[in-house]
Structures are given as C-alpha cells and as structure tokens.
Amino acid sequence: MKNRLKVLRAERDWSQGDLADRLDVSRQSVNAIETGRYDPSLPLAFRIAELFGLAIEDIFTSPSAPA
C-alpha cells in the first residue's frame, strides 16, 4: 500500500522514533510502513489518521489506484 507517512512526518520535523512514540509502536514498525514493507492494521491506520488530522484515504492509497 502506498502512503504519505514519511512526507507527513517530515513536515512536522519528527523522527521515526518520535512518530513511533506518538503511535505506541516501534520505530521499526514506522520504517516498515513508510517503505511499504508492512501495511498497518485498521486500528493503527485510524490512529495515524487521527494524529495527522486527516482521513485514512489522504494518507494511504491502494497500489492499484489510478495515479
């Protein structure tokens, strides 16, 4: 799944560790989501969206979605 997590995090000048602390996950989990090696669970996707004040669809997109 494609995502804007790295860009959103960088806009706030947060490290992966900072974001991980805010989401109560490991830094490795944040890295895996950002690089597309791991798709977050639905509850985690909601926590991410709430943290950034965006809809889930504004952060995550299907790899088959039109560009």
PDB file of N, CA and C in Angstrom:
ATOM      1  N   MET A   1       0.850  -1.174   0.000  1.00  0.00           N
ATOM      2  CA  MET A   1       0.000   0.000   0.000  1.00  0.00           C
ATOM      3  C   MET A   1       0.898   1.240   0.000  1.00  0.00           C
ATOM      4  N   LYS A   2       0.601   2.167  -0.872  1.00  0.00           N
ATOM      5  CA  LYS A   2       1.348   3.424  -0.921  1.00  0.00           C
ATOM      6  C   LYS A   2       0.888   4.317   0.226  1.00  0.00           C
ATOM      7  N   ASN A   3       1.801   5.174   0.705  1.00  0.00           N
ATOM      8  CA  ASN A   3       1.408   6.084   1.774  1.00  0.00           C
ATOM      9  C   ASN A   3       2.248   7.349   1.751  1.00  0.00           C
ATOM     10  N   ARG A   4       1.762   8.368   2.446  1.00  0.00           N
ATOM     11  CA  ARG A   4       2.427   9.669   2.559  1.00  0.00           C
ATOM     12  C   ARG A   4       3.040   9.860   3.941  1.00  0.00           C
ATOM     13  N   LEU A   5       3.214   8.789   4.674  1.00  0.00           N
ATOM     14  CA  LEU A   5       3.624   8.888   6.070  1.00  0.00           C
ATOM     15  C   LEU A   5       4.965   9.605   6.229  1.00  0.00           C
ATOM     16  N   LYS A   6       5.938   9.265   5.411  1.00  0.00           N
ATOM     17  CA  LYS A   6       7.265   9.884   5.527  1.00  0.00           C
ATOM     18  C   LYS A   6       7.185  11.393   5.298  1.00  0.00           C
ATOM     19  N   VAL A   7       6.406  11.810   4.291  1.00  0.00           N
ATOM     20  CA  VAL A   7       6.257  13.233   3.992  1.00  0.00           C
ATOM     21  C   VAL A   7       5.562  13.956   5.148  1.00  0.00           C
ATOM     22  N   LEU A   8       4.486  13.373   5.646  1.00  0.00           N
ATOM     23  CA  LEU A   8       3.745  13.992   6.749  1.00  0.00           C
ATOM     24  C   LEU A   8       4.614  14.110   8.000  1.00  0.00           C
ATOM     25  N   ARG A   9       5.397  13.073   8.257  1.00  0.00           N
ATOM     26  CA  ARG A   9       6.300  13.085   9.409  1.00  0.00           C
ATOM     27  C   ARG A   9       7.364  14.157   9.234  1.00  0.00           C
ATOM     28  N   ALA A  10       7.941  14.245   8.052  1.00  0.00           N
ATOM     29  CA  ALA A  10       8.996  15.228   7.782  1.00  0.00           C
ATOM     30  C   ALA A  10       8.469  16.659   7.890  1.00  0.00           C
ATOM     31  N   GLU A  11       7.222  16.882   7.459  1.00  0.00           N
ATOM     32  CA  GLU A  11       6.629  18.222   7.557  1.00  0.00           C
ATOM     33  C   GLU A  11       6.561  18.706   8.999  1.00  0.00           C
ATOM     34  N   ARG A  12       6.495  17.767   9.926  1.00  0.00           N
ATOM     35  CA  ARG A  12       6.414  18.117  11.344  1.00  0.00           C
ATOM     36  C   ARG A  12       7.774  18.028  12.032  1.00  0.00           C
ATOM     37  N   ASP A  13       8.804  17.692  11.254  1.00  0.00           N
ATOM     38  CA  ASP A  13      10.160  17.555  11.777  1.00  0.00           C
ATOM     39  C   ASP A  13      10.232  16.492  12.872  1.00  0.00           C
ATOM     40  N   TRP A  14       9.496  15.388  12.668  1.00  0.00           N
ATOM     41  CA  TRP A  14       9.514  14.268  13.605  1.00  0.00           C
ATOM     42  C   TRP A  14      10.429  13.182  13.064  1.00  0.00           C
ATOM     43  N   SER A  15      11.171  12.554  13.944  1.00  0.00           N
ATOM     44  CA  SER A  15      11.941  11.372  13.552  1.00  0.00           C
ATOM     45  C   SER A  15      10.993  10.173  13.531  1.00  0.00           C
ATOM     46  N   GLN A  16      11.483   9.069  12.992  1.00  0.00           N
ATOM     47  CA  GLN A  16      10.672   7.849  13.040  1.00  0.00           C
ATOM     48  C   GLN A  16      10.398   7.468  14.486  1.00  0.00           C
ATOM     49  N   GLY A  17      11.384   7.684  15.354  1.00  0.00           N
ATOM     50  CA  GLY A  17      11.194   7.390  16.774  1.00  0.00           C
ATOM     51  C   GLY A  17      10.128   8.264  17.412  1.00  0.00           C
ATOM     52  N   ASP A  18      10.107   9.550  17.042  1.00  0.00           N
ATOM     53  CA  ASP A  18       9.076  10.458  17.562  1.00  0.00           C
ATOM     54  C   ASP A  18       7.688   9.964  17.173  1.00  0.00           C
ATOM     55  N   LEU A  19       7.531   9.618  15.899  1.00  0.00           N
ATOM     56  CA  LEU A  19       6.230   9.131  15.434  1.00  0.00           C
ATOM     57  C   LEU A  19       5.874   7.813  16.113  1.00  0.00           C
ATOM     58  N   ALA A  20       6.837   6.934  16.239  1.00  0.00           N
ATOM     59  CA  ALA A  20       6.600   5.651  16.902  1.00  0.00           C
ATOM     60  C   ALA A  20       6.104   5.865  18.329  1.00  0.00           C
ATOM     61  N   ASP A  21       6.733   6.794  19.051  1.00  0.00           N
ATOM     62  CA  ASP A  21       6.306   7.086  20.428  1.00  0.00           C
ATOM     63  C   ASP A  21       4.872   7.595  20.462  1.00  0.00           C
ATOM     64  N   ARG A  22       4.516   8.459  19.526  1.00  0.00           N
ATOM     65  CA  ARG A  22       3.157   9.015  19.484  1.00  0.00           C
ATOM     66  C   ARG A  22       2.115   7.948  19.154  1.00  0.00           C
ATOM     67  N   LEU A  23       2.538   6.929  18.394  1.00  0.00           N
ATOM     68  CA  LEU A  23       1.610   5.868  17.986  1.00  0.00           C
ATOM     69  C   LEU A  23       1.689   4.635  18.870  1.00  0.00           C
ATOM     70  N   ASP A  24       2.648   4.617  19.795  1.00  0.00           N
ATOM     71  CA  ASP A  24       2.871   3.474  20.683  1.00  0.00           C
ATOM     72  C   ASP A  24       3.206   2.201  19.888  1.00  0.00           C
ATOM     73  N   VAL A  25       4.110   2.372  18.913  1.00  0.00           N
ATOM     74  CA  VAL A  25       4.637   1.254  18.134  1.00  0.00           C
ATOM     75  C   VAL A  25       6.158   1.396  18.101  1.00  0.00           C
ATOM     76  N   SER A  26       6.837   0.426  17.527  1.00  0.00           N
ATOM     77  CA  SER A  26       8.298   0.504  17.432  1.00  0.00           C
ATOM     78  C   SER A  26       8.721   1.381  16.258  1.00  0.00           C
ATOM     79  N   ARG A  27       9.941   1.899  16.332  1.00  0.00           N
ATOM     80  CA  ARG A  27      10.490   2.668  15.224  1.00  0.00           C
ATOM     81  C   ARG A  27      10.588   1.789  13.979  1.00  0.00           C
ATOM     82  N   GLN A  28      10.885   0.511  14.185  1.00  0.00           N
ATOM     83  CA  GLN A  28      10.974  -0.418  13.060  1.00  0.00           C
ATOM     84  C   GLN A  28       9.632  -0.559  12.349  1.00  0.00           C
ATOM     85  N   SER A  29       8.545  -0.515  13.111  1.00  0.00           N
ATOM     86  CA  SER A  29       7.205  -0.584  12.506  1.00  0.00           C
ATOM     87  C   SER A  29       6.948   0.638  11.634  1.00  0.00           C
ATOM     88  N   VAL A  30       7.322   1.817  12.138  1.00  0.00           N
ATOM     89  CA  VAL A  30       7.151   3.044  11.350  1.00  0.00           C
ATOM     90  C   VAL A  30       7.963   2.942  10.066  1.00  0.00           C
ATOM     91  N   ASN A  31       9.202   2.492  10.167  1.00  0.00           N
ATOM     92  CA  ASN A  31      10.051   2.344   8.985  1.00  0.00           C
ATOM     93  C   ASN A  31       9.432   1.371   7.987  1.00  0.00           C
ATOM     94  N   ALA A  32       8.921   0.251   8.467  1.00  0.00           N
ATOM     95  CA  ALA A  32       8.327  -0.757   7.583  1.00  0.00           C
ATOM     96  C   ALA A  32       7.075  -0.222   6.887  1.00  0.00           C
ATOM     97  N   ILE A  33       6.283   0.574   7.583  1.00  0.00           N
ATOM     98  CA  ILE A  33       5.087   1.165   6.962  1.00  0.00           C
ATOM     99  C   ILE A  33       5.512   2.184   5.908  1.00  0.00           C
ATOM    100  N   GLU A  34       6.459   3.045   6.258  1.00  0.00           N
ATOM    101  CA  GLU A  34       6.912   4.075   5.322  1.00  0.00           C
ATOM    102  C   GLU A  34       7.484   3.488   4.039  1.00  0.00           C
ATOM    103  N   THR A  35       8.183   2.385   4.150  1.00  0.00           N
ATOM    104  CA  THR A  35       8.822   1.783   2.977  1.00  0.00           C
ATOM    105  C   THR A  35       7.919   0.794   2.252  1.00  0.00           C
ATOM    106  N   GLY A  36       6.693   0.610   2.744  1.00  0.00           N
ATOM    107  CA  GLY A  36       5.736  -0.268   2.082  1.00  0.00           C
ATOM    108  C   GLY A  36       5.960  -1.748   2.322  1.00  0.00           C
ATOM    109  N   ARG A  37       6.816  -2.088   3.295  1.00  0.00           N
ATOM    110  CA  ARG A  37       7.046  -3.494   3.605  1.00  0.00           C
ATOM    111  C   ARG A  37       5.992  -4.050   4.553  1.00  0.00           C
ATOM    112  N   TYR A  38       5.201  -3.166   5.148  1.00  0.00           N
ATOM    113  CA  TYR A  38       4.187  -3.576   6.124  1.00  0.00           C
ATOM    114  C   TYR A  38       2.984  -2.667   5.974  1.00  0.00           C
ATOM    115  N   ASP A  39       1.801  -3.259   5.913  1.00  0.00           N
ATOM    116  CA  ASP A  39       0.554  -2.483   5.905  1.00  0.00           C
ATOM    117  C   ASP A  39       0.017  -2.456   7.327  1.00  0.00           C
ATOM    118  N   PRO A  40      -0.299  -1.261   7.842  1.00  0.00           N
ATOM    119  CA  PRO A  40      -0.785  -1.180   9.213  1.00  0.00           C
ATOM    120  C   PRO A  40      -2.162  -1.823   9.375  1.00  0.00           C
ATOM    121  N   SER A  41      -2.437  -2.265  10.587  1.00  0.00           N
ATOM    122  CA  SER A  41      -3.777  -2.757  10.902  1.00  0.00           C
ATOM    123  C   SER A  41      -4.750  -1.588  10.781  1.00  0.00           C
ATOM    124  N   LEU A  42      -6.014  -1.887  10.664  1.00  0.00           N
ATOM    125  CA  LEU A  42      -7.018  -0.825  10.574  1.00  0.00           C
ATOM    126  C   LEU A  42      -7.006   0.077  11.811  1.00  0.00           C
ATOM    127  N   PRO A  43      -6.952  -0.484  13.038  1.00  0.00           N
ATOM    128  CA  PRO A  43      -6.880   0.404  14.203  1.00  0.00           C
ATOM    129  C   PRO A  43      -5.651   1.323  14.176  1.00  0.00           C
ATOM    130  N   LEU A  44      -4.508   0.799  13.729  1.00  0.00           N
ATOM    131  CA  LEU A  44      -3.307   1.634  13.651  1.00  0.00           C
ATOM    132  C   LEU A  44      -3.463   2.687  12.558  1.00  0.00           C
ATOM    133  N   ALA A  45      -4.048   2.332  11.442  1.00  0.00           N
ATOM    134  CA  ALA A  45      -4.282   3.305  10.374  1.00  0.00           C
ATOM    135  C   ALA A  45      -5.182   4.441  10.869  1.00  0.00           C
ATOM    136  N   PHE A  46      -6.190   4.110  11.664  1.00  0.00           N
ATOM    137  CA  PHE A  46      -7.051   5.150  12.244  1.00  0.00           C
ATOM    138  C   PHE A  46      -6.268   6.036  13.200  1.00  0.00           C
ATOM    139  N   ARG A  47      -5.394   5.448  14.025  1.00  0.00           N
ATOM    140  CA  ARG A  47      -4.575   6.252  14.959  1.00  0.00           C
ATOM    141  C   ARG A  47      -3.657   7.196  14.184  1.00  0.00           C
ATOM    142  N   ILE A  48      -3.068   6.695  13.102  1.00  0.00           N
ATOM    143  CA  ILE A  48      -2.199   7.531  12.268  1.00  0.00           C
ATOM    144  C   ILE A  48      -2.998   8.695  11.684  1.00  0.00           C
ATOM    145  N   ALA A  49      -4.163   8.391  11.118  1.00  0.00           N
ATOM    146  CA  ALA A  49      -5.002   9.429  10.516  1.00  0.00           C
ATOM    147  C   ALA A  49      -5.415  10.468  11.559  1.00  0.00           C
ATOM    148  N   GLU A  50      -5.811  10.025  12.736  1.00  0.00           N
ATOM    149  CA  GLU A  50      -6.217  10.955  13.794  1.00  0.00           C
ATOM    150  C   GLU A  50      -5.048  11.827  14.230  1.00  0.00           C
ATOM    151  N   LEU A  51      -3.865  11.249  14.342  1.00  0.00           N
ATOM    152  CA  LEU A  51      -2.687  12.007  14.756  1.00  0.00           C
ATOM    153  C   LEU A  51      -2.394  13.143  13.779  1.00  0.00           C
ATOM    154  N   PHE A  52      -2.536  12.876  12.491  1.00  0.00           N
ATOM    155  CA  PHE A  52      -2.254  13.894  11.481  1.00  0.00           C
ATOM    156  C   PHE A  52      -3.481  14.727  11.119  1.00  0.00           C
ATOM    157  N   GLY A  53      -4.639  14.401  11.674  1.00  0.00           N
ATOM    158  CA  GLY A  53      -5.855  15.161  11.405  1.00  0.00           C
ATOM    159  C   GLY A  53      -6.337  15.001   9.970  1.00  0.00           C
ATOM    160  N   LEU A  54      -6.127  13.805   9.411  1.00  0.00           N
ATOM    161  CA  LEU A  54      -6.509  13.526   8.033  1.00  0.00           C
ATOM    162  C   LEU A  54      -7.371  12.269   7.967  1.00  0.00           C
ATOM    163  N   ALA A  55      -8.027  12.093   6.834  1.00  0.00           N
ATOM    164  CA  ALA A  55      -8.744  10.844   6.584  1.00  0.00           C
ATOM    165  C   ALA A  55      -7.723   9.772   6.204  1.00  0.00           C
ATOM    166  N   ILE A  56      -8.045   8.534   6.480  1.00  0.00           N
ATOM    167  CA  ILE A  56      -7.147   7.428   6.125  1.00  0.00           C
ATOM    168  C   ILE A  56      -6.798   7.487   4.638  1.00  0.00           C
ATOM    169  N   GLU A  57      -7.780   7.800   3.808  1.00  0.00           N
ATOM    170  CA  GLU A  57      -7.572   7.848   2.355  1.00  0.00           C
ATOM    171  C   GLU A  57      -6.611   8.944   1.937  1.00  0.00           C
ATOM    172  N   ASP A  58      -6.424   9.949   2.793  1.00  0.00           N
ATOM    173  CA  ASP A  58      -5.480  11.024   2.493  1.00  0.00           C
ATOM    174  C   ASP A  58      -4.042  10.619   2.798  1.00  0.00           C
ATOM    175  N   ILE A  59      -3.868   9.511   3.501  1.00  0.00           N
ATOM    176  CA  ILE A  59      -2.535   9.031   3.863  1.00  0.00           C
ATOM    177  C   ILE A  59      -2.180   7.774   3.090  1.00  0.00           C
ATOM    178  N   PHE A  60      -3.127   6.850   3.004  1.00  0.00           N
ATOM    179  CA  PHE A  60      -2.872   5.555   2.380  1.00  0.00           C
ATOM    180  C   PHE A  60      -3.677   5.397   1.100  1.00  0.00           C
ATOM    181  N   THR A  61      -3.032   4.879   0.056  1.00  0.00           N
ATOM    182  CA  THR A  61      -3.734   4.605  -1.197  1.00  0.00           C
ATOM    183  C   THR A  61      -3.392   3.213  -1.681  1.00  0.00           C
ATOM    184  N   SER A  62      -4.317   2.621  -2.357  1.00  0.00           N
ATOM    185  CA  SER A  62      -4.112   1.284  -2.916  1.00  0.00           C
ATOM    186  C   SER A  62      -3.075   1.355  -4.032  1.00  0.00           C
ATOM    187  N   PRO A  63      -2.190   0.357  -4.110  1.00  0.00           N
ATOM    188  CA  PRO A  63      -1.225   0.366  -5.213  1.00  0.00           C
ATOM    189  C   PRO A  63      -1.887   0.241  -6.582  1.00  0.00           C
ATOM    190  N   SER A  64      -3.128  -0.221  -6.626  1.00  0.00           N
ATOM    191  CA  SER A  64      -3.819  -0.339  -7.919  1.00  0.00           C
ATOM    192  C   SER A  64      -4.670   0.895  -8.229  1.00  0.00           C
ATOM    193  N   ALA A  65      -4.666   1.890  -7.326  1.00  0.00           N
ATOM    194  CA  ALA A  65      -5.450   3.096  -7.560  1.00  0.00           C
ATOM    195  C   ALA A  65      -4.824   3.906  -8.692  1.00  0.00           C
ATOM    196  N   PRO A  66      -5.654   4.558  -9.494  1.00  0.00           N
ATOM    197  CA  PRO A  66      -5.104   5.380 -10.576  1.00  0.00           C
ATOM    198  C   PRO A  66      -4.266   6.521 -10.028  1.00  0.00           C
ATOM    199  N   ALA A  67      -3.239   6.881 -10.718  1.00  0.00           N
ATOM    200  CA  ALA A  67      -2.323   7.937 -10.256  1.00  0.00           C
ATOM    201  C   ALA A  67      -2.924   9.301 -10.427  1.00  0.00           C
TER     202      ALA A  67
END
